[in-house]
Amino acid sequence: MPHLGPTELLIILVIVLLLFGVGRVSKIGGELGSAVANFRKGMEEGAKKEKAEEEPKA
């Protein structure tokens, strides 16, 4: 897989901004951040649930 340097990433960002506009890109970024936060929260809850099931009940 080719390595993407800072120059290539900047060119991609400019193209995306031209295609979608600043408002829509910021909205997509916010939604992506929210999705990642919810995913992490779900993973933590799942880990807590597994840990609680593994502990022997005295």
PDB file of N, CA and C in Angstrom:
ATOM      1  N   MET A   1       0.846  -1.173   0.000  1.00  0.00           N
ATOM      2  CA  MET A   1       0.000   0.000   0.000  1.00  0.00           C
ATOM      3  C   MET A   1       0.894   1.241   0.000  1.00  0.00           C
ATOM      4  N   PRO A   2       0.614   2.190  -0.868  1.00  0.00           N
ATOM      5  CA  PRO A   2       1.466   3.380  -0.931  1.00  0.00           C
ATOM      6  C   PRO A   2       1.309   4.251   0.311  1.00  0.00           C
ATOM      7  N   HIS A   3       2.386   4.907   0.649  1.00  0.00           N
ATOM      8  CA  HIS A   3       2.404   5.804   1.815  1.00  0.00           C
ATOM      9  C   HIS A   3       1.834   7.158   1.420  1.00  0.00           C
ATOM     10  N   LEU A   4       0.915   7.686   2.213  1.00  0.00           N
ATOM     11  CA  LEU A   4       0.351   9.011   1.971  1.00  0.00           C
ATOM     12  C   LEU A   4       1.039  10.008   2.888  1.00  0.00           C
ATOM     13  N   GLY A   5       1.753  10.928   2.280  1.00  0.00           N
ATOM     14  CA  GLY A   5       2.447  11.957   3.041  1.00  0.00           C
ATOM     15  C   GLY A   5       1.554  13.163   3.273  1.00  0.00           C
ATOM     16  N   PRO A   6       2.078  14.164   3.948  1.00  0.00           N
ATOM     17  CA  PRO A   6       1.289  15.356   4.242  1.00  0.00           C
ATOM     18  C   PRO A   6       0.833  16.092   2.979  1.00  0.00           C
ATOM     19  N   THR A   7       1.659  16.096   1.947  1.00  0.00           N
ATOM     20  CA  THR A   7       1.290  16.787   0.712  1.00  0.00           C
ATOM     21  C   THR A   7       0.085  16.123   0.050  1.00  0.00           C
ATOM     22  N   GLU A   8       0.117  14.797  -0.023  1.00  0.00           N
ATOM     23  CA  GLU A   8      -0.994  14.064  -0.630  1.00  0.00           C
ATOM     24  C   GLU A   8      -2.280  14.248   0.169  1.00  0.00           C
ATOM     25  N   LEU A   9      -2.181  14.205   1.498  1.00  0.00           N
ATOM     26  CA  LEU A   9      -3.357  14.393   2.342  1.00  0.00           C
ATOM     27  C   LEU A   9      -3.936  15.802   2.178  1.00  0.00           C
ATOM     28  N   LEU A  10      -3.081  16.792   2.026  1.00  0.00           N
ATOM     29  CA  LEU A  10      -3.544  18.165   1.816  1.00  0.00           C
ATOM     30  C   LEU A  10      -4.277  18.300   0.483  1.00  0.00           C
ATOM     31  N   ILE A  11      -3.758  17.668  -0.546  1.00  0.00           N
ATOM     32  CA  ILE A  11      -4.412  17.701  -1.860  1.00  0.00           C
ATOM     33  C   ILE A  11      -5.780  17.032  -1.781  1.00  0.00           C
ATOM     34  N   ILE A  12      -5.866  15.894  -1.100  1.00  0.00           N
ATOM     35  CA  ILE A  12      -7.147  15.194  -0.941  1.00  0.00           C
ATOM     36  C   ILE A  12      -8.135  16.068  -0.179  1.00  0.00           C
ATOM     37  N   LEU A  13      -7.677  16.734   0.884  1.00  0.00           N
ATOM     38  CA  LEU A  13      -8.540  17.617   1.670  1.00  0.00           C
ATOM     39  C   LEU A  13      -9.082  18.767   0.819  1.00  0.00           C
ATOM     40  N   VAL A  14      -8.244  19.362  -0.005  1.00  0.00           N
ATOM     41  CA  VAL A  14      -8.687  20.462  -0.867  1.00  0.00           C
ATOM     42  C   VAL A  14      -9.738  19.967  -1.850  1.00  0.00           C
ATOM     43  N   ILE A  15      -9.526  18.796  -2.435  1.00  0.00           N
ATOM     44  CA  ILE A  15     -10.501  18.244  -3.380  1.00  0.00           C
ATOM     45  C   ILE A  15     -11.829  17.974  -2.687  1.00  0.00           C
ATOM     46  N   VAL A  16     -11.785  17.411  -1.488  1.00  0.00           N
ATOM     47  CA  VAL A  16     -13.019  17.137  -0.740  1.00  0.00           C
ATOM     48  C   VAL A  16     -13.741  18.443  -0.419  1.00  0.00           C
ATOM     49  N   LEU A  17     -13.006  19.471  -0.019  1.00  0.00           N
ATOM     50  CA  LEU A  17     -13.625  20.768   0.271  1.00  0.00           C
ATOM     51  C   LEU A  17     -14.281  21.366  -0.969  1.00  0.00           C
ATOM     52  N   LEU A  18     -13.642  21.212  -2.107  1.00  0.00           N
ATOM     53  CA  LEU A  18     -14.219  21.728  -3.347  1.00  0.00           C
ATOM     54  C   LEU A  18     -15.490  20.973  -3.732  1.00  0.00           C
ATOM     55  N   LEU A  19     -15.507  19.668  -3.504  1.00  0.00           N
ATOM     56  CA  LEU A  19     -16.661  18.856  -3.878  1.00  0.00           C
ATOM     57  C   LEU A  19     -17.853  19.070  -2.951  1.00  0.00           C
ATOM     58  N   PHE A  20     -17.611  19.090  -1.651  1.00  0.00           N
ATOM     59  CA  PHE A  20     -18.717  19.101  -0.677  1.00  0.00           C
ATOM     60  C   PHE A  20     -18.957  20.449  -0.023  1.00  0.00           C
ATOM     61  N   GLY A  21     -17.979  21.297   0.048  1.00  0.00           N
ATOM     62  CA  GLY A  21     -18.127  22.579   0.730  1.00  0.00           C
ATOM     63  C   GLY A  21     -17.762  22.458   2.201  1.00  0.00           C
ATOM     64  N   VAL A  22     -17.444  23.584   2.808  1.00  0.00           N
ATOM     65  CA  VAL A  22     -16.958  23.612   4.190  1.00  0.00           C
ATOM     66  C   VAL A  22     -18.040  23.169   5.178  1.00  0.00           C
ATOM     67  N   GLY A  23     -19.269  23.635   4.996  1.00  0.00           N
ATOM     68  CA  GLY A  23     -20.345  23.308   5.934  1.00  0.00           C
ATOM     69  C   GLY A  23     -20.643  21.823   5.997  1.00  0.00           C
ATOM     70  N   ARG A  24     -20.701  21.210   4.842  1.00  0.00           N
ATOM     71  CA  ARG A  24     -21.024  19.781   4.808  1.00  0.00           C
ATOM     72  C   ARG A  24     -19.876  18.931   5.345  1.00  0.00           C
ATOM     73  N   VAL A  25     -18.628  19.327   5.055  1.00  0.00           N
ATOM     74  CA  VAL A  25     -17.476  18.581   5.560  1.00  0.00           C
ATOM     75  C   VAL A  25     -17.421  18.657   7.082  1.00  0.00           C
ATOM     76  N   SER A  26     -17.712  19.815   7.658  1.00  0.00           N
ATOM     77  CA  SER A  26     -17.691  19.938   9.115  1.00  0.00           C
ATOM     78  C   SER A  26     -18.815  19.106   9.736  1.00  0.00           C
ATOM     79  N   LYS A  27     -19.966  19.046   9.067  1.00  0.00           N
ATOM     80  CA  LYS A  27     -21.077  18.223   9.557  1.00  0.00           C
ATOM     81  C   LYS A  27     -20.700  16.742   9.528  1.00  0.00           C
ATOM     82  N   ILE A  28     -20.070  16.311   8.449  1.00  0.00           N
ATOM     83  CA  ILE A  28     -19.638  14.910   8.329  1.00  0.00           C
ATOM     84  C   ILE A  28     -18.605  14.595   9.402  1.00  0.00           C
ATOM     85  N   GLY A  29     -17.682  15.529   9.654  1.00  0.00           N
ATOM     86  CA  GLY A  29     -16.667  15.325  10.690  1.00  0.00           C
ATOM     87  C   GLY A  29     -17.289  15.190  12.071  1.00  0.00           C
ATOM     88  N   GLY A  30     -18.278  16.024  12.358  1.00  0.00           N
ATOM     89  CA  GLY A  30     -18.967  15.939  13.652  1.00  0.00           C
ATOM     90  C   GLY A  30     -19.699  14.625  13.821  1.00  0.00           C
ATOM     91  N   GLU A  31     -20.362  14.181  12.764  1.00  0.00           N
ATOM     92  CA  GLU A  31     -21.079  12.907  12.824  1.00  0.00           C
ATOM     93  C   GLU A  31     -20.109  11.741  12.983  1.00  0.00           C
ATOM     94  N   LEU A  32     -18.974  11.811  12.313  1.00  0.00           N
ATOM     95  CA  LEU A  32     -17.967  10.757  12.433  1.00  0.00           C
ATOM     96  C   LEU A  32     -17.412  10.702  13.857  1.00  0.00           C
ATOM     97  N   GLY A  33     -17.142  11.865  14.435  1.00  0.00           N
ATOM     98  CA  GLY A  33     -16.653  11.914  15.817  1.00  0.00           C
ATOM     99  C   GLY A  33     -17.673  11.349  16.791  1.00  0.00           C
ATOM    100  N   SER A  34     -18.939  11.663  16.577  1.00  0.00           N
ATOM    101  CA  SER A  34     -20.005  11.137  17.426  1.00  0.00           C
ATOM    102  C   SER A  34     -20.109   9.624  17.302  1.00  0.00           C
ATOM    103  N   ALA A  35     -19.958   9.119  16.090  1.00  0.00           N
ATOM    104  CA  ALA A  35     -20.020   7.674  15.873  1.00  0.00           C
ATOM    105  C   ALA A  35     -18.869   6.964  16.576  1.00  0.00           C
ATOM    106  N   VAL A  36     -17.686   7.530  16.506  1.00  0.00           N
ATOM    107  CA  VAL A  36     -16.522   6.929  17.180  1.00  0.00           C
ATOM    108  C   VAL A  36     -16.725   6.937  18.693  1.00  0.00           C
ATOM    109  N   ALA A  37     -17.250   8.024  19.232  1.00  0.00           N
ATOM    110  CA  ALA A  37     -17.493   8.106  20.675  1.00  0.00           C
ATOM    111  C   ALA A  37     -18.515   7.069  21.114  1.00  0.00           C
ATOM    112  N   ASN A  38     -19.580   6.900  20.348  1.00  0.00           N
ATOM    113  CA  ASN A  38     -20.588   5.894  20.681  1.00  0.00           C
ATOM    114  C   ASN A  38     -20.021   4.483  20.571  1.00  0.00           C
ATOM    115  N   PHE A  39     -19.169   4.243  19.593  1.00  0.00           N
ATOM    116  CA  PHE A  39     -18.544   2.931  19.444  1.00  0.00           C
ATOM    117  C   PHE A  39     -17.667   2.617  20.651  1.00  0.00           C
ATOM    118  N   ARG A  40     -16.860   3.580  21.076  1.00  0.00           N
ATOM    119  CA  ARG A  40     -16.006   3.370  22.246  1.00  0.00           C
ATOM    120  C   ARG A  40     -16.840   3.113  23.498  1.00  0.00           C
ATOM    121  N   LYS A  41     -17.925   3.859  23.657  1.00  0.00           N
ATOM    122  CA  LYS A  41     -18.803   3.686  24.810  1.00  0.00           C
ATOM    123  C   LYS A  41     -19.395   2.270  24.809  1.00  0.00           C
ATOM    124  N   GLY A  42     -19.811   1.812  23.655  1.00  0.00           N
ATOM    125  CA  GLY A  42     -20.362   0.462  23.543  1.00  0.00           C
ATOM    126  C   GLY A  42     -19.325  -0.605  23.849  1.00  0.00           C
ATOM    127  N   MET A  43     -18.096  -0.396  23.404  1.00  0.00           N
ATOM    128  CA  MET A  43     -17.030  -1.359  23.682  1.00  0.00           C
ATOM    129  C   MET A  43     -16.736  -1.424  25.185  1.00  0.00           C
ATOM    130  N   GLU A  44     -16.732  -0.274  25.841  1.00  0.00           N
ATOM    131  CA  GLU A  44     -16.477  -0.249  27.288  1.00  0.00           C
ATOM    132  C   GLU A  44     -17.600  -0.951  28.044  1.00  0.00           C
ATOM    133  N   GLU A  45     -18.848  -0.707  27.638  1.00  0.00           N
ATOM    134  CA  GLU A  45     -19.979  -1.358  28.297  1.00  0.00           C
ATOM    135  C   GLU A  45     -19.931  -2.869  28.092  1.00  0.00           C
ATOM    136  N   GLY A  46     -19.545  -3.297  26.894  1.00  0.00           N
ATOM    137  CA  GLY A  46     -19.425  -4.723  26.617  1.00  0.00           C
ATOM    138  C   GLY A  46     -18.340  -5.370  27.452  1.00  0.00           C
ATOM    139  N   ALA A  47     -17.221  -4.675  27.620  1.00  0.00           N
ATOM    140  CA  ALA A  47     -16.123  -5.203  28.432  1.00  0.00           C
ATOM    141  C   ALA A  47     -16.543  -5.306  29.897  1.00  0.00           C
ATOM    142  N   LYS A  48     -17.283  -4.312  30.390  1.00  0.00           N
ATOM    143  CA  LYS A  48     -17.753  -4.355  31.775  1.00  0.00           C
ATOM    144  C   LYS A  48     -18.724  -5.515  31.975  1.00  0.00           C
ATOM    145  N   LYS A  49     -19.586  -5.738  30.987  1.00  0.00           N
ATOM    146  CA  LYS A  49     -20.560  -6.814  31.084  1.00  0.00           C
ATOM    147  C   LYS A  49     -19.859  -8.173  31.100  1.00  0.00           C
ATOM    148  N   GLU A  50     -18.852  -8.350  30.236  1.00  0.00           N
ATOM    149  CA  GLU A  50     -18.097  -9.602  30.212  1.00  0.00           C
ATOM    150  C   GLU A  50     -17.358  -9.823  31.529  1.00  0.00           C
ATOM    151  N   LYS A  51     -16.780  -8.758  32.072  1.00  0.00           N
ATOM    152  CA  LYS A  51     -16.043  -8.874  33.323  1.00  0.00           C
ATOM    153  C   LYS A  51     -16.989  -9.268  34.459  1.00  0.00           C
ATOM    154  N   ALA A  52     -18.188  -8.686  34.454  1.00  0.00           N
ATOM    155  CA  ALA A  52     -19.161  -9.007  35.498  1.00  0.00           C
ATOM    156  C   ALA A  52     -19.621 -10.455  35.385  1.00  0.00           C
ATOM    157  N   GLU A  53     -19.731 -10.975  34.176  1.00  0.00           N
ATOM    158  CA  GLU A  53     -20.151 -12.363  33.986  1.00  0.00           C
ATOM    159  C   GLU A  53     -19.052 -13.336  34.375  1.00  0.00           C
ATOM    160  N   GLU A  54     -17.780 -12.946  34.244  1.00  0.00           N
ATOM    161  CA  GLU A  54     -16.672 -13.822  34.566  1.00  0.00           C
ATOM    162  C   GLU A  54     -16.452 -13.955  36.068  1.00  0.00           C
ATOM    163  N   GLU A  55     -16.778 -12.913  36.818  1.00  0.00           N
ATOM    164  CA  GLU A  55     -16.554 -12.947  38.253  1.00  0.00           C
ATOM    165  C   GLU A  55     -17.476 -13.967  38.892  1.00  0.00           C
ATOM    166  N   PRO A  56     -16.912 -14.854  39.733  1.00  0.00           N
ATOM    167  CA  PRO A  56     -17.774 -15.846  40.418  1.00  0.00           C
ATOM    168  C   PRO A  56     -18.664 -15.174  41.462  1.00  0.00           C
ATOM    169  N   LYS A  57     -19.857 -15.662  41.545  1.00  0.00           N
ATOM    170  CA  LYS A  57     -20.797 -15.088  42.511  1.00  0.00           C
ATOM    171  C   LYS A  57     -20.657 -15.836  43.831  1.00  0.00           C
ATOM    172  N   ALA A  58     -20.370 -15.101  44.883  1.00  0.00           N
ATOM    173  CA  ALA A  58     -20.119 -15.728  46.173  1.00  0.00           C
ATOM    174  C   ALA A  58     -21.373 -15.860  46.990  1.00  0.00           C
TER     175      ALA A  58
END
